[in-house]
C-alpha cells in the first residue's frame, strides 16, 4: 500500500482509502440523524429556550481539545526509548567494569548484563512489531532506529561479559591450577621457588 492511500486518525490508527471513505459516510449519517432529532424535538437547546446565544464553556472546550490530542503510546516510543536506556546502561558498564557483577554471597556472582539484556530484547520486539504493522507506517524509520540501538546494546552486553577482567583472572587461575596438577615433584619445587622469589 502506497503512503498516498494511507490515512491516519487522531488516535494514530492507519486506514486505507476505502475504510476512510466508509468512516466519513458513517459520520455524515450520524450528523444528519442528530440534526433530524433536534428538529423533531422543536429545538430544546439553551439558545432556543432563552432566545439568547449560548456562551461556550472555555474550560470544557480546552479539556476536549487536550483529550483529542492525547494519543496512545506508540510502538516506536516503546522501542526507541527503551533502546536508549539500554544503550546508556551498556556504556556505563563498559566504562566502569566493577559494575559488571552482582555479588550473590561467597564467591558466587551474577554478570550484570544477563538480566539487563531483557531491556533491548523488549525494545527489539516492539521495533519489529512497529515495522511489520501497516498501522504504524509513518513511524517505521523510528522503529528501525530503536531496533539498531537495541542490537548495538546487546552486542555491548555480550562483549562486557566476555571481557570482564575478573572473569579473565579466574580463567588464568584455573589454567594455572591445571598446570600444577600435571607437574612432577621437581617441577613443583621449581614453581615454589619462583613464587617465593617474587615476594623476596
N, C-alpha and C. Protein backbone atom coordinates (compact mmCIF):
# COMPACT_ATOMS: atom_id res chain seq x y z
N UNK A 1 0.85 -1.19 0.00
CA UNK A 1 0.00 0.00 0.00
C UNK A 1 0.89 1.25 0.00
N UNK A 2 0.59 2.17 -0.90
CA UNK A 2 1.45 3.35 -1.00
C UNK A 2 1.07 4.36 0.07
N UNK A 3 1.98 5.25 0.46
CA UNK A 3 1.69 6.23 1.51
C UNK A 3 0.57 7.20 1.15
N UNK A 4 0.32 7.46 -0.16
CA UNK A 4 -0.72 8.40 -0.57
C UNK A 4 -2.11 7.86 -0.27
N UNK A 5 -2.25 6.55 -0.12
CA UNK A 5 -3.55 5.95 0.15
C UNK A 5 -3.67 5.50 1.60
N UNK A 6 -2.87 6.10 2.47
CA UNK A 6 -2.91 5.78 3.89
C UNK A 6 -3.38 7.03 4.65
N UNK A 7 -4.38 6.85 5.52
CA UNK A 7 -4.93 7.95 6.30
C UNK A 7 -4.73 7.64 7.77
N UNK A 8 -4.27 8.63 8.54
CA UNK A 8 -4.01 8.45 9.97
C UNK A 8 -5.04 9.20 10.77
N UNK A 9 -5.70 8.53 11.75
CA UNK A 9 -6.68 9.16 12.61
C UNK A 9 -6.01 9.89 13.76
N UNK A 10 -6.78 10.56 14.60
CA UNK A 10 -6.21 11.29 15.74
C UNK A 10 -5.57 10.34 16.74
N UNK A 11 -6.11 9.13 16.85
CA UNK A 11 -5.57 8.16 17.80
C UNK A 11 -4.34 7.44 17.26
N UNK A 12 -3.92 7.74 16.04
CA UNK A 12 -2.72 7.11 15.48
C UNK A 12 -3.01 5.90 14.62
N UNK A 13 -4.28 5.53 14.45
CA UNK A 13 -4.61 4.36 13.63
C UNK A 13 -4.54 4.72 12.15
N UNK A 14 -4.14 3.74 11.36
CA UNK A 14 -3.98 3.94 9.92
C UNK A 14 -5.12 3.24 9.18
N UNK A 15 -5.74 3.96 8.24
CA UNK A 15 -6.83 3.40 7.45
C UNK A 15 -6.50 3.53 5.97
N UNK A 16 -6.94 2.55 5.19
CA UNK A 16 -6.79 2.66 3.74
C UNK A 16 -7.84 3.62 3.22
N UNK A 17 -7.78 3.96 1.93
CA UNK A 17 -8.69 4.95 1.37
C UNK A 17 -10.14 4.47 1.44
N UNK A 18 -10.37 3.17 1.24
CA UNK A 18 -11.73 2.63 1.29
C UNK A 18 -12.32 2.74 2.67
N UNK A 19 -11.54 2.35 3.69
CA UNK A 19 -12.02 2.45 5.08
C UNK A 19 -12.27 3.90 5.47
N UNK A 20 -11.41 4.81 4.99
CA UNK A 20 -11.57 6.22 5.31
C UNK A 20 -12.87 6.77 4.73
N UNK A 21 -13.22 6.36 3.52
CA UNK A 21 -14.47 6.82 2.90
C UNK A 21 -15.68 6.29 3.67
N UNK A 22 -15.61 5.03 4.12
CA UNK A 22 -16.72 4.47 4.90
C UNK A 22 -16.88 5.21 6.22
N UNK A 23 -15.75 5.58 6.86
CA UNK A 23 -15.81 6.32 8.12
C UNK A 23 -16.46 7.70 7.90
N UNK A 24 -16.12 8.34 6.79
CA UNK A 24 -16.71 9.64 6.50
C UNK A 24 -18.22 9.51 6.29
N UNK A 25 -18.63 8.46 5.57
CA UNK A 25 -20.05 8.25 5.31
C UNK A 25 -20.81 7.98 6.61
N UNK A 26 -20.20 7.20 7.51
CA UNK A 26 -20.85 6.91 8.78
C UNK A 26 -20.99 8.17 9.63
N UNK A 27 -19.95 9.02 9.62
CA UNK A 27 -20.04 10.26 10.38
C UNK A 27 -21.12 11.20 9.82
N UNK A 28 -21.24 11.24 8.49
CA UNK A 28 -22.28 12.08 7.88
C UNK A 28 -23.67 11.59 8.25
N UNK A 29 -23.83 10.26 8.27
CA UNK A 29 -25.13 9.69 8.62
C UNK A 29 -25.51 10.01 10.05
N UNK A 30 -24.54 9.89 10.97
CA UNK A 30 -24.81 10.22 12.37
C UNK A 30 -25.12 11.71 12.52
N UNK A 31 -24.42 12.56 11.76
CA UNK A 31 -24.63 14.01 11.84
C UNK A 31 -26.05 14.38 11.39
N UNK A 32 -26.48 13.77 10.27
CA UNK A 32 -27.83 14.06 9.77
C UNK A 32 -28.89 13.57 10.74
N UNK A 33 -28.68 12.40 11.34
CA UNK A 33 -29.65 11.86 12.28
C UNK A 33 -29.74 12.74 13.52
N UNK A 34 -28.60 13.26 13.96
CA UNK A 34 -28.58 14.12 15.14
C UNK A 34 -29.40 15.39 14.90
N UNK A 35 -29.19 16.02 13.74
CA UNK A 35 -29.94 17.25 13.43
C UNK A 35 -31.41 16.95 13.19
N UNK A 36 -31.74 15.78 12.66
CA UNK A 36 -33.14 15.41 12.46
C UNK A 36 -33.86 15.25 13.78
N UNK A 37 -33.17 14.66 14.77
CA UNK A 37 -33.78 14.50 16.10
C UNK A 37 -34.00 15.86 16.76
N UNK A 38 -33.08 16.79 16.56
CA UNK A 38 -33.24 18.12 17.15
C UNK A 38 -34.43 18.85 16.52
N UNK A 39 -34.59 18.66 15.22
CA UNK A 39 -35.72 19.32 14.54
C UNK A 39 -37.05 18.77 15.04
N UNK A 40 -37.13 17.43 15.26
CA UNK A 40 -38.36 16.83 15.76
C UNK A 40 -38.66 17.29 17.18
N UNK A 41 -37.63 17.52 18.00
CA UNK A 41 -37.84 17.96 19.38
C UNK A 41 -38.27 19.41 19.46
N UNK A 42 -38.21 20.12 18.37
CA UNK A 42 -38.65 21.50 18.35
C UNK A 42 -37.65 22.48 18.87
N UNK A 43 -36.40 22.03 19.00
CA UNK A 43 -35.35 22.94 19.46
C UNK A 43 -35.37 23.09 20.96
N UNK A 44 -34.65 22.23 21.64
CA UNK A 44 -34.65 22.25 23.10
C UNK A 44 -33.34 22.75 23.67
N UNK A 45 -32.50 23.40 22.87
CA UNK A 45 -31.23 23.89 23.37
C UNK A 45 -31.45 25.15 24.20
N UNK A 46 -30.42 25.54 24.95
CA UNK A 46 -30.50 26.73 25.79
C UNK A 46 -30.76 27.97 24.96
N UNK A 47 -30.19 28.01 23.76
CA UNK A 47 -30.37 29.19 22.89
C UNK A 47 -31.82 29.29 22.44
N UNK A 48 -32.47 28.13 22.15
CA UNK A 48 -33.86 28.16 21.69
C UNK A 48 -34.81 28.54 22.83
N UNK A 49 -34.50 28.11 24.06
CA UNK A 49 -35.39 28.39 25.18
C UNK A 49 -35.29 29.83 25.66
N UNK A 50 -34.10 30.37 25.70
CA UNK A 50 -33.91 31.72 26.25
C UNK A 50 -33.92 32.80 25.18
N UNK A 51 -33.70 32.42 23.95
CA UNK A 51 -33.64 33.41 22.90
C UNK A 51 -32.31 34.12 22.83
N UNK A 52 -31.34 33.74 23.68
CA UNK A 52 -30.03 34.36 23.70
C UNK A 52 -28.99 33.36 23.19
N UNK A 53 -27.95 33.84 22.53
CA UNK A 53 -26.91 32.92 22.02
C UNK A 53 -26.18 32.26 23.18
N UNK A 54 -25.93 30.97 23.04
CA UNK A 54 -25.25 30.22 24.08
C UNK A 54 -23.78 30.64 24.17
N UNK A 55 -23.28 30.79 25.39
CA UNK A 55 -21.88 31.16 25.60
C UNK A 55 -21.06 29.88 25.74
N UNK A 56 -20.07 29.67 24.92
CA UNK A 56 -19.28 28.43 25.00
C UNK A 56 -18.49 28.36 26.31
N UNK A 57 -18.42 27.18 26.88
CA UNK A 57 -17.66 26.93 28.09
C UNK A 57 -16.19 26.75 27.70
N UNK A 58 -15.37 27.73 28.05
CA UNK A 58 -13.96 27.72 27.65
C UNK A 58 -13.23 26.54 28.26
N UNK A 59 -13.54 26.24 29.53
CA UNK A 59 -12.85 25.16 30.22
C UNK A 59 -13.16 23.80 29.58
N UNK A 60 -14.43 23.60 29.21
CA UNK A 60 -14.81 22.34 28.57
C UNK A 60 -14.18 22.21 27.19
N UNK A 61 -14.12 23.32 26.46
CA UNK A 61 -13.50 23.27 25.14
C UNK A 61 -12.02 22.95 25.23
N UNK A 62 -11.34 23.53 26.23
CA UNK A 62 -9.91 23.27 26.39
C UNK A 62 -9.68 21.81 26.76
N UNK A 63 -10.53 21.26 27.65
CA UNK A 63 -10.39 19.86 28.04
C UNK A 63 -10.63 18.94 26.85
N UNK A 64 -11.63 19.26 26.04
CA UNK A 64 -11.90 18.45 24.87
C UNK A 64 -10.76 18.51 23.87
N UNK A 65 -10.15 19.69 23.76
CA UNK A 65 -9.03 19.83 22.82
C UNK A 65 -7.84 19.01 23.27
N UNK A 66 -7.55 19.04 24.60
CA UNK A 66 -6.42 18.27 25.12
C UNK A 66 -6.66 16.78 24.98
N UNK A 67 -7.87 16.34 25.29
CA UNK A 67 -8.18 14.91 25.17
C UNK A 67 -8.12 14.45 23.72
N UNK A 68 -8.50 15.36 22.80
CA UNK A 68 -8.45 14.99 21.39
C UNK A 68 -7.03 14.80 20.90
N UNK A 69 -6.10 15.58 21.47
CA UNK A 69 -4.70 15.48 21.04
C UNK A 69 -3.95 14.34 21.72
N UNK A 70 -4.50 13.88 22.85
CA UNK A 70 -3.80 12.82 23.58
C UNK A 70 -3.82 11.53 22.76
N UNK A 71 -2.69 10.96 22.58
CA UNK A 71 -2.57 9.76 21.77
C UNK A 71 -2.13 8.58 22.62
N UNK A 72 -2.43 7.41 22.12
CA UNK A 72 -1.98 6.20 22.79
C UNK A 72 -0.47 6.04 22.60
N UNK A 73 0.16 5.26 23.49
CA UNK A 73 1.60 5.01 23.37
C UNK A 73 1.85 4.19 22.11
N UNK A 74 2.76 4.67 21.29
CA UNK A 74 3.05 4.02 20.01
C UNK A 74 4.20 3.02 20.16
N UNK A 75 4.25 2.00 19.31
CA UNK A 75 5.35 1.02 19.37
C UNK A 75 6.73 1.66 19.21
N UNK A 76 6.83 2.69 18.37
CA UNK A 76 8.14 3.31 18.17
C UNK A 76 8.63 3.97 19.46
N UNK A 77 7.70 4.47 20.29
CA UNK A 77 8.11 5.09 21.55
C UNK A 77 8.67 4.03 22.51
N UNK A 78 7.97 2.90 22.62
CA UNK A 78 8.45 1.82 23.48
C UNK A 78 9.79 1.30 23.00
N UNK A 79 9.93 1.19 21.68
CA UNK A 79 11.17 0.66 21.10
C UNK A 79 12.32 1.64 21.28
N UNK A 80 12.12 2.87 20.87
CA UNK A 80 13.22 3.85 20.84
C UNK A 80 13.67 4.24 22.25
N UNK A 81 12.73 4.51 23.14
CA UNK A 81 13.11 4.98 24.47
C UNK A 81 13.77 3.87 25.29
N UNK A 82 13.25 2.64 25.20
CA UNK A 82 13.88 1.54 25.94
C UNK A 82 15.26 1.21 25.36
N UNK A 83 15.43 1.36 24.04
CA UNK A 83 16.74 1.13 23.42
C UNK A 83 17.75 2.18 23.88
N UNK A 84 17.31 3.42 24.03
CA UNK A 84 18.21 4.47 24.52
C UNK A 84 18.66 4.16 25.95
N UNK A 85 17.72 3.70 26.79
CA UNK A 85 18.07 3.34 28.17
C UNK A 85 19.08 2.19 28.18
N UNK A 86 18.83 1.17 27.35
CA UNK A 86 19.74 0.02 27.30
C UNK A 86 21.13 0.44 26.83
N UNK A 87 21.19 1.33 25.86
CA UNK A 87 22.48 1.77 25.34
C UNK A 87 23.26 2.58 26.39
N UNK A 88 22.56 3.42 27.14
CA UNK A 88 23.22 4.19 28.19
C UNK A 88 23.79 3.26 29.26
N UNK A 89 23.02 2.25 29.66
CA UNK A 89 23.50 1.29 30.67
C UNK A 89 24.70 0.52 30.14
N UNK A 90 24.66 0.13 28.87
CA UNK A 90 25.78 -0.61 28.29
C UNK A 90 27.05 0.24 28.28
N UNK A 91 26.91 1.52 28.00
CA UNK A 91 28.08 2.41 28.00
C UNK A 91 28.64 2.55 29.42
N UNK A 92 27.75 2.66 30.42
CA UNK A 92 28.20 2.77 31.82
C UNK A 92 28.98 1.51 32.23
N UNK A 93 28.47 0.33 31.87
CA UNK A 93 29.17 -0.91 32.21
C UNK A 93 30.50 -1.04 31.48
N UNK A 94 30.57 -0.46 30.29
CA UNK A 94 31.82 -0.51 29.54
C UNK A 94 32.88 0.40 30.18
N UNK A 95 32.45 1.54 30.69
CA UNK A 95 33.39 2.48 31.30
C UNK A 95 33.79 2.05 32.71
N UNK A 96 32.84 1.45 33.45
CA UNK A 96 33.10 1.03 34.83
C UNK A 96 32.96 -0.49 34.95
N UNK A 97 34.05 -1.23 34.73
CA UNK A 97 33.97 -2.71 34.76
C UNK A 97 33.56 -3.27 36.11
N UNK A 98 33.73 -2.50 37.19
CA UNK A 98 33.37 -3.02 38.52
C UNK A 98 31.86 -3.22 38.67
N UNK A 99 31.07 -2.61 37.78
CA UNK A 99 29.62 -2.77 37.84
C UNK A 99 29.13 -3.98 37.06
N UNK A 100 30.03 -4.76 36.50
CA UNK A 100 29.62 -5.86 35.63
C UNK A 100 29.24 -7.13 36.38
N UNK A 101 29.29 -7.08 37.74
CA UNK A 101 28.97 -8.26 38.54
C UNK A 101 28.01 -7.89 39.66
N UNK A 102 27.09 -8.82 39.97
CA UNK A 102 26.19 -8.67 41.11
C UNK A 102 26.55 -9.77 42.11
N UNK A 103 27.13 -9.43 43.28
CA UNK A 103 27.51 -10.45 44.26
C UNK A 103 26.29 -11.20 44.80
N UNK A 104 26.41 -12.50 44.91
CA UNK A 104 25.33 -13.33 45.42
C UNK A 104 25.70 -14.02 46.72
N UNK A 105 26.83 -13.64 47.29
CA UNK A 105 27.28 -14.25 48.54
C UNK A 105 28.39 -15.25 48.30
N UNK A 106 29.40 -15.22 49.14
CA UNK A 106 30.54 -16.10 48.96
C UNK A 106 31.33 -15.72 47.73
N UNK A 107 31.65 -16.73 46.95
CA UNK A 107 32.38 -16.48 45.70
C UNK A 107 31.47 -16.48 44.49
N UNK A 108 30.18 -16.66 44.68
CA UNK A 108 29.24 -16.69 43.55
C UNK A 108 28.83 -15.27 43.16
N UNK A 109 28.47 -15.10 41.92
CA UNK A 109 28.08 -13.80 41.40
C UNK A 109 27.22 -14.00 40.17
N UNK A 110 26.55 -12.92 39.76
CA UNK A 110 25.73 -12.91 38.54
C UNK A 110 26.22 -11.78 37.65
N UNK A 111 26.61 -12.06 36.40
CA UNK A 111 27.01 -10.98 35.50
C UNK A 111 25.85 -9.99 35.30
N UNK A 112 26.12 -8.73 35.53
CA UNK A 112 25.09 -7.70 35.42
C UNK A 112 24.40 -7.65 34.06
N UNK A 113 25.12 -7.85 32.94
CA UNK A 113 24.44 -7.77 31.65
C UNK A 113 23.37 -8.84 31.42
N UNK A 114 23.42 -9.96 32.16
CA UNK A 114 22.44 -11.03 31.93
C UNK A 114 21.00 -10.56 32.16
N UNK A 115 20.65 -9.99 33.33
CA UNK A 115 19.27 -9.51 33.47
C UNK A 115 18.98 -8.25 32.65
N UNK A 116 20.01 -7.42 32.43
CA UNK A 116 19.79 -6.17 31.70
C UNK A 116 19.54 -6.39 30.22
N UNK A 117 19.93 -7.54 29.69
CA UNK A 117 19.75 -7.78 28.25
C UNK A 117 18.28 -7.92 27.90
N UNK A 118 17.41 -8.08 28.92
CA UNK A 118 15.98 -8.12 28.66
C UNK A 118 15.46 -6.80 28.10
N UNK A 119 16.10 -5.69 28.48
CA UNK A 119 15.64 -4.37 28.01
C UNK A 119 15.75 -4.25 26.48
N UNK A 120 16.93 -4.52 25.88
CA UNK A 120 16.98 -4.44 24.41
C UNK A 120 16.16 -5.53 23.72
N UNK A 121 15.94 -6.66 24.39
CA UNK A 121 15.09 -7.69 23.79
C UNK A 121 13.65 -7.20 23.68
N UNK A 122 13.15 -6.57 24.74
CA UNK A 122 11.80 -6.00 24.69
C UNK A 122 11.73 -4.87 23.66
N UNK A 123 12.77 -4.05 23.60
CA UNK A 123 12.82 -2.99 22.60
C UNK A 123 12.78 -3.55 21.19
N UNK A 124 13.50 -4.64 20.96
CA UNK A 124 13.52 -5.26 19.64
C UNK A 124 12.14 -5.79 19.26
N UNK A 125 11.43 -6.36 20.24
CA UNK A 125 10.08 -6.86 19.96
C UNK A 125 9.17 -5.75 19.45
N UNK A 126 9.16 -4.62 20.16
CA UNK A 126 8.30 -3.52 19.75
C UNK A 126 8.77 -2.88 18.45
N UNK A 127 10.09 -2.90 18.22
CA UNK A 127 10.59 -2.38 16.96
C UNK A 127 10.13 -3.20 15.77
N UNK A 128 10.21 -4.51 15.90
CA UNK A 128 9.76 -5.39 14.81
C UNK A 128 8.24 -5.26 14.63
N UNK A 129 7.51 -5.16 15.75
CA UNK A 129 6.06 -5.01 15.67
C UNK A 129 5.68 -3.73 14.93
N UNK A 130 6.38 -2.64 15.24
CA UNK A 130 6.07 -1.38 14.57
C UNK A 130 6.46 -1.37 13.10
N UNK A 131 7.48 -2.16 12.73
CA UNK A 131 7.93 -2.19 11.34
C UNK A 131 6.96 -3.00 10.47
N UNK A 132 6.51 -4.14 10.96
CA UNK A 132 5.69 -5.04 10.15
C UNK A 132 4.22 -4.64 10.14
N UNK A 133 3.79 -3.79 11.08
CA UNK A 133 2.38 -3.43 11.17
C UNK A 133 2.11 -2.18 10.33
N UNK A 134 1.15 -2.28 9.41
CA UNK A 134 0.87 -1.19 8.48
C UNK A 134 0.26 0.02 9.20
N UNK A 135 -0.36 -0.20 10.39
CA UNK A 135 -0.97 0.91 11.11
C UNK A 135 0.05 1.97 11.53
N UNK A 136 1.30 1.55 11.68
CA UNK A 136 2.36 2.46 12.16
C UNK A 136 3.37 2.73 11.05
N UNK A 137 2.87 2.86 9.83
CA UNK A 137 3.73 3.01 8.65
C UNK A 137 4.59 4.28 8.74
N UNK A 138 4.01 5.38 9.20
CA UNK A 138 4.73 6.65 9.18
C UNK A 138 5.92 6.68 10.14
N UNK A 139 5.86 5.88 11.21
CA UNK A 139 6.93 5.89 12.22
C UNK A 139 7.86 4.69 12.08
N UNK A 140 7.86 4.08 10.91
CA UNK A 140 8.69 2.89 10.71
C UNK A 140 10.17 3.21 10.85
N UNK A 141 10.60 4.37 10.39
CA UNK A 141 12.02 4.74 10.49
C UNK A 141 12.46 4.90 11.94
N UNK A 142 11.56 5.33 12.81
CA UNK A 142 11.90 5.44 14.22
C UNK A 142 12.05 4.06 14.85
N UNK A 143 11.19 3.14 14.44
CA UNK A 143 11.33 1.77 14.93
C UNK A 143 12.66 1.17 14.48
N UNK A 144 13.07 1.47 13.26
CA UNK A 144 14.35 0.95 12.76
C UNK A 144 15.52 1.53 13.56
N UNK A 145 15.43 2.82 13.90
CA UNK A 145 16.50 3.44 14.70
C UNK A 145 16.58 2.80 16.09
N UNK A 146 15.42 2.59 16.71
CA UNK A 146 15.40 1.94 18.01
C UNK A 146 15.90 0.51 17.96
N UNK A 147 15.54 -0.19 16.88
CA UNK A 147 15.98 -1.57 16.73
C UNK A 147 17.50 -1.64 16.56
N UNK A 148 18.07 -0.69 15.83
CA UNK A 148 19.52 -0.65 15.66
C UNK A 148 20.24 -0.42 16.98
N UNK A 149 19.73 0.51 17.79
CA UNK A 149 20.35 0.76 19.09
C UNK A 149 20.20 -0.43 20.03
N UNK A 150 19.06 -1.13 19.93
CA UNK A 150 18.86 -2.31 20.78
C UNK A 150 19.87 -3.41 20.43
N UNK A 151 20.08 -3.64 19.14
CA UNK A 151 21.05 -4.65 18.72
C UNK A 151 22.46 -4.26 19.16
N UNK A 152 22.79 -2.97 19.03
CA UNK A 152 24.11 -2.50 19.46
C UNK A 152 24.32 -2.71 20.96
N UNK A 153 23.31 -2.41 21.76
CA UNK A 153 23.43 -2.59 23.21
C UNK A 153 23.58 -4.06 23.57
N UNK A 154 22.89 -4.96 22.85
CA UNK A 154 23.04 -6.39 23.12
C UNK A 154 24.45 -6.87 22.81
N UNK A 155 25.01 -6.38 21.71
CA UNK A 155 26.40 -6.74 21.36
C UNK A 155 27.35 -6.24 22.44
N UNK A 156 27.11 -5.04 22.95
CA UNK A 156 27.97 -4.50 24.00
C UNK A 156 27.85 -5.31 25.29
N UNK A 157 26.64 -5.75 25.63
CA UNK A 157 26.45 -6.57 26.83
C UNK A 157 27.23 -7.88 26.72
N UNK A 158 27.15 -8.52 25.56
CA UNK A 158 27.87 -9.78 25.37
C UNK A 158 29.38 -9.55 25.47
N UNK A 159 29.86 -8.47 24.88
CA UNK A 159 31.29 -8.16 24.94
C UNK A 159 31.73 -7.89 26.37
N UNK A 160 30.89 -7.20 27.15
CA UNK A 160 31.25 -6.87 28.52
C UNK A 160 31.34 -8.11 29.41
N UNK A 161 30.49 -9.09 29.15
CA UNK A 161 30.59 -10.35 29.90
C UNK A 161 31.88 -11.08 29.53
N UNK A 162 32.18 -11.11 28.24
CA UNK A 162 33.37 -11.86 27.79
C UNK A 162 34.67 -11.17 28.19
N UNK A 163 34.65 -9.84 28.28
CA UNK A 163 35.89 -9.10 28.58
C UNK A 163 35.99 -8.65 30.03
N UNK A 164 35.16 -9.22 30.91
CA UNK A 164 35.21 -8.86 32.32
C UNK A 164 36.59 -9.21 32.89
N UNK A 165 37.33 -8.24 33.44
CA UNK A 165 38.68 -8.53 33.97
C UNK A 165 38.68 -9.62 35.03
N UNK A 166 37.66 -9.64 35.89
CA UNK A 166 37.61 -10.67 36.93
C UNK A 166 37.44 -12.06 36.33
N UNK A 167 36.66 -12.15 35.26
CA UNK A 167 36.48 -13.45 34.59
C UNK A 167 37.79 -13.93 33.98
N UNK A 168 38.53 -13.02 33.38
CA UNK A 168 39.81 -13.40 32.79
C UNK A 168 40.79 -13.86 33.87
N UNK A 169 40.80 -13.22 35.03
CA UNK A 169 41.68 -13.64 36.12
C UNK A 169 41.30 -15.04 36.62
N UNK A 170 40.01 -15.30 36.70
CA UNK A 170 39.57 -16.63 37.14
C UNK A 170 39.99 -17.71 36.14
N UNK A 171 39.90 -17.40 34.85
CA UNK A 171 40.31 -18.37 33.83
C UNK A 171 41.81 -18.64 33.91
N UNK A 172 42.60 -17.58 34.11
CA UNK A 172 44.04 -17.76 34.23
C UNK A 172 44.39 -18.57 35.48
N UNK A 173 43.68 -18.33 36.57
CA UNK A 173 43.93 -19.08 37.80
C UNK A 173 43.58 -20.56 37.62
N UNK A 174 42.48 -20.84 36.93
CA UNK A 174 42.10 -22.23 36.68
C UNK A 174 43.13 -22.94 35.80
N UNK A 175 43.64 -22.22 34.79
CA UNK A 175 44.66 -22.82 33.93
C UNK A 175 45.95 -23.09 34.72
N UNK A 176 46.29 -22.18 35.63
CA UNK A 176 47.49 -22.37 36.45
C UNK A 176 47.34 -23.60 37.36
N UNK A 177 46.18 -23.80 37.92
CA UNK A 177 45.94 -24.97 38.76
C UNK A 177 46.04 -26.26 37.96
N UNK A 178 45.52 -26.23 36.74
CA UNK A 178 45.62 -27.43 35.90
C UNK A 178 47.07 -27.75 35.58
N UNK A 179 47.88 -26.71 35.35
CA UNK A 179 49.29 -26.96 35.05
C UNK A 179 50.01 -27.55 36.27
N UNK A 180 49.69 -27.05 37.48
CA UNK A 180 50.33 -27.57 38.69
C UNK A 180 49.97 -29.03 38.95
N UNK A 181 48.75 -29.39 38.61
CA UNK A 181 48.34 -30.78 38.82
C UNK A 181 49.14 -31.75 37.95
N UNK A 182 49.60 -31.29 36.80
CA UNK A 182 50.35 -32.14 35.88
C UNK A 182 51.86 -32.09 36.12
N UNK A 183 52.31 -31.32 37.11
CA UNK A 183 53.74 -31.22 37.38
C UNK A 183 54.21 -32.38 38.26
N UNK A 184 55.49 -32.75 38.08
CA UNK A 184 56.10 -33.73 38.99
C UNK A 184 56.72 -32.97 40.16
N UNK A 185 57.39 -33.71 41.10
CA UNK A 185 57.94 -33.09 42.30
C UNK A 185 59.01 -32.06 41.98
N UNK A 186 59.85 -32.35 41.02
CA UNK A 186 60.92 -31.42 40.67
C UNK A 186 60.35 -30.13 40.09
N UNK A 187 59.33 -30.27 39.22
CA UNK A 187 58.72 -29.08 38.63
C UNK A 187 57.98 -28.25 39.69
N UNK A 188 57.34 -28.93 40.66
CA UNK A 188 56.65 -28.21 41.72
C UNK A 188 57.63 -27.44 42.59
N UNK A 189 58.81 -28.06 42.86
CA UNK A 189 59.82 -27.34 43.64
C UNK A 189 60.29 -26.10 42.91
N UNK A 190 60.47 -26.21 41.60
CA UNK A 190 60.88 -25.04 40.82
C UNK A 190 59.81 -23.97 40.80
N UNK A 191 58.52 -24.40 40.73
CA UNK A 191 57.41 -23.42 40.74
C UNK A 191 57.35 -22.69 42.08
N UNK A 192 57.54 -23.43 43.19
CA UNK A 192 57.52 -22.80 44.51
C UNK A 192 58.66 -21.79 44.66
N UNK A 193 59.84 -22.18 44.15
CA UNK A 193 60.98 -21.26 44.25
C UNK A 193 60.71 -19.97 43.48
N UNK A 194 60.09 -20.10 42.30
CA UNK A 194 59.77 -18.91 41.50
C UNK A 194 58.78 -18.01 42.22
N UNK A 195 57.76 -18.63 42.86
CA UNK A 195 56.76 -17.82 43.58
C UNK A 195 57.40 -17.12 44.78
N UNK A 196 58.29 -17.82 45.49
CA UNK A 196 58.94 -17.21 46.64
C UNK A 196 59.87 -16.08 46.22
N UNK A 197 60.51 -16.25 45.08
CA UNK A 197 61.42 -15.19 44.60
C UNK A 197 60.66 -13.91 44.28
N UNK A 198 59.37 -14.02 43.87
CA UNK A 198 58.60 -12.84 43.54
C UNK A 198 58.31 -12.01 44.79
N UNK A 199 58.20 -12.65 45.94
CA UNK A 199 57.85 -11.93 47.17
C UNK A 199 59.08 -11.61 48.03
N UNK A 200 60.28 -12.01 47.59
CA UNK A 200 61.52 -11.73 48.35
C UNK A 200 62.23 -10.52 47.76
